[in-house]
Amino acid sequence: MEIDWSDCALAEVVPGKLNGLPVIKGTRVRADTIPKSAELCETPEEIAYNYDLKLDDVRRVLAFAAGHPVTDSRQKTSVGLPGKRIDQ
């Protein structure tokens, strides 16, 4: 499950950087690291310190994440015996 970061002004996708995953601009910190750290009860101040980010940027990323639903990027696959299909 993931957030669509394409509209976040602080996130960017750079080919060849972290396999093309969204990162905080000018860093190698994955964008989804910020809300995941907050979910683990880290304060914005702790997140900024731990990842060497500006506190205002952390707060803006958290606000963006709070306003954007999480989408399920996994595709359904089918498994089963010949002649029988089970969707997962």
Protein backbone atom coordinates (compact mmCIF):
# COMPACT_ATOMS: atom_id res chain seq x y z
CA MET A 1 0.00 0.00 0.00
CA GLU A 2 1.30 3.42 -0.84
CA ILE A 3 0.55 7.12 -1.18
CA ASP A 4 0.55 8.76 -4.59
CA TRP A 5 3.31 11.35 -4.12
CA SER A 6 3.07 12.83 -7.63
CA ASP A 7 1.32 16.01 -6.40
CA CYS A 8 3.62 16.59 -3.42
CA ALA A 9 5.88 19.60 -3.99
CA LEU A 10 8.54 18.13 -1.69
CA ALA A 11 8.77 14.71 -3.35
CA GLU A 12 10.52 13.73 -6.54
CA VAL A 13 11.25 10.61 -8.54
CA VAL A 14 14.76 10.41 -9.92
CA PRO A 15 15.54 7.52 -12.26
CA GLY A 16 18.34 5.46 -10.76
CA LYS A 17 17.86 6.86 -7.26
CA LEU A 18 16.35 4.31 -4.87
CA ASN A 19 14.94 2.33 -7.79
CA GLY A 20 12.79 5.26 -8.89
CA LEU A 21 10.81 5.43 -5.64
CA PRO A 22 9.59 8.87 -4.49
CA VAL A 23 12.13 10.64 -2.28
CA ILE A 24 12.25 13.96 -0.47
CA LYS A 25 13.80 16.44 -2.93
CA GLY A 26 17.57 16.68 -2.66
CA THR A 27 17.83 13.63 -0.39
CA ARG A 28 17.84 9.85 -0.49
CA VAL A 29 15.03 9.69 2.10
CA ARG A 30 11.99 7.86 0.76
CA ALA A 31 8.89 10.02 0.97
CA ASP A 32 6.89 7.26 2.66
CA THR A 33 9.50 7.05 5.43
CA ILE A 34 8.12 10.25 6.97
CA PRO A 35 4.51 9.12 7.59
CA LYS A 36 5.69 5.62 8.51
CA SER A 37 7.98 7.10 11.16
CA ALA A 38 5.08 9.18 12.49
CA GLU A 39 2.95 6.03 12.68
CA LEU A 40 5.69 4.58 14.90
CA CYS A 41 5.12 7.53 17.27
CA GLU A 42 8.17 9.56 16.24
CA THR A 43 7.56 13.29 16.61
CA PRO A 44 8.17 15.62 13.66
CA GLU A 45 11.21 16.93 15.54
CA GLU A 46 12.63 13.41 15.90
CA ILE A 47 11.97 12.62 12.23
CA ALA A 48 13.69 15.85 11.13
CA TYR A 49 16.69 15.07 13.34
CA ASN A 50 16.94 11.38 12.42
CA TYR A 51 16.82 12.01 8.67
CA ASP A 52 18.60 15.40 8.60
CA LEU A 53 15.53 17.19 7.21
CA LYS A 54 14.04 20.61 7.87
CA LEU A 55 11.29 20.48 10.47
CA ASP A 56 8.97 22.55 8.25
CA ASP A 57 9.48 20.06 5.39
CA VAL A 58 8.62 17.13 7.67
CA ARG A 59 5.44 18.87 8.77
CA ARG A 60 4.47 19.64 5.16
CA VAL A 61 5.05 16.02 4.09
CA LEU A 62 2.97 14.77 7.03
CA ALA A 63 0.18 17.18 6.11
CA PHE A 64 0.28 15.99 2.50
CA ALA A 65 0.19 12.33 3.56
CA ALA A 66 -2.74 12.97 5.91
CA GLY A 67 -4.76 14.44 3.05
CA HIS A 68 -4.09 11.69 0.53
CA PRO A 69 -5.56 8.22 0.74
CA VAL A 70 -3.38 5.17 0.70
CA THR A 71 -3.82 3.07 -2.44
CA ASP A 72 -3.20 -0.64 -2.86
CA SER A 73 -0.63 -1.02 -5.63
CA ARG A 74 -0.67 -4.80 -5.57
CA GLN A 75 -2.35 -6.51 -8.47
CA LYS A 76 -4.71 -9.41 -7.97
CA THR A 77 -3.27 -12.73 -8.98
CA SER A 78 -4.95 -16.02 -9.66
CA VAL A 79 -3.81 -19.33 -8.29
CA GLY A 80 -5.40 -22.73 -8.21
CA LEU A 81 -5.61 -26.13 -9.80
CA PRO A 82 -6.29 -26.66 -13.48
CA GLY A 83 -9.93 -25.99 -14.13
CA LYS A 84 -10.34 -24.15 -10.84
CA ARG A 85 -9.56 -20.53 -10.21
CA ILE A 86 -9.14 -18.79 -6.90
CA ASP A 87 -8.74 -15.02 -6.90
CA GLN A 88 -6.56 -13.48 -4.21
